[in-house]
Amino acid sequence: MHQHDPRESQADRLRRRLQERQDRMAKNTRPRISPFTLLSIVVILILLFIVRGGA
C-alpha cells in the first residue's frame, strides 16, 4: 500500500471541495432567469395580446 502525505490528501480534499462548489454555483446560475427578463417577457406578451385583440 502506498502511504499518502496527510498534507497532500488535505490539499486534494480542499481542491475537490472547491471544484464541487464551483460546479454547483455554475449549475445554479446557468438556467436561472432574472426577474427583470421575466417581467419584460410578460409585458411584451400582454402588449402583443392587446394590440392583436384590438386590431
Protein backbone atom coordinates (compact mmCIF):
# COMPACT_ATOMS: atom_id res chain seq x y z
CA MET A 1 0.00 0.00 0.00
CA HIS A 2 1.22 3.46 -0.88
CA GLN A 3 1.30 5.86 2.06
CA HIS A 4 -0.10 9.32 1.27
CA ASP A 5 1.21 12.53 2.77
CA PRO A 6 -1.57 13.85 5.07
CA ARG A 7 -1.00 17.41 3.84
CA GLU A 8 -1.32 16.27 0.23
CA SER A 9 -4.59 14.45 0.92
CA GLN A 10 -5.91 17.50 2.76
CA ALA A 11 -4.98 19.72 -0.20
CA ASP A 12 -6.71 17.24 -2.52
CA ARG A 13 -9.84 17.33 -0.35
CA LEU A 14 -9.85 21.14 -0.31
CA ARG A 15 -9.30 21.27 -4.08
CA ARG A 16 -12.12 18.77 -4.69
CA ARG A 17 -14.47 20.66 -2.33
CA LEU A 18 -13.69 23.95 -4.12
CA GLN A 19 -14.32 22.33 -7.51
CA GLU A 20 -17.64 20.88 -6.32
CA ARG A 21 -18.70 24.31 -5.01
CA GLN A 22 -17.79 25.95 -8.35
CA ASP A 23 -19.70 23.27 -10.26
CA ARG A 24 -22.73 23.76 -8.01
CA MET A 25 -22.63 27.54 -8.48
CA ALA A 26 -22.28 27.19 -12.27
CA LYS A 27 -25.22 24.78 -12.33
CA ASN A 28 -27.35 27.11 -10.20
CA THR A 29 -26.67 30.29 -12.17
CA ARG A 30 -26.94 28.84 -15.69
CA PRO A 31 -30.70 28.11 -16.10
CA ARG A 32 -32.00 30.89 -13.84
CA ILE A 33 -33.88 33.78 -15.49
CA SER A 34 -33.59 37.20 -13.88
CA PRO A 35 -36.85 38.80 -12.64
CA PHE A 36 -36.31 41.75 -15.00
CA THR A 37 -36.09 39.45 -18.03
CA LEU A 38 -39.21 37.57 -16.93
CA LEU A 39 -41.12 40.83 -16.38
CA SER A 40 -40.07 42.11 -19.80
CA ILE A 41 -41.32 38.93 -21.50
CA VAL A 42 -44.66 39.18 -19.68
CA VAL A 43 -45.10 42.86 -20.62
CA ILE A 44 -44.30 42.17 -24.28
CA LEU A 45 -46.78 39.29 -24.38
CA ILE A 46 -49.51 41.45 -22.80
CA LEU A 47 -48.84 44.27 -25.29
CA LEU A 48 -48.97 41.83 -28.20
CA PHE A 49 -52.24 40.39 -26.90
CA ILE A 50 -53.79 43.87 -26.54
CA VAL A 51 -52.60 45.01 -29.99
CA ARG A 52 -53.82 41.85 -31.74
CA GLY A 53 -57.09 41.83 -29.79
CA GLY A 54 -57.79 45.48 -30.55
CA ALA A 55 -56.93 45.32 -34.23
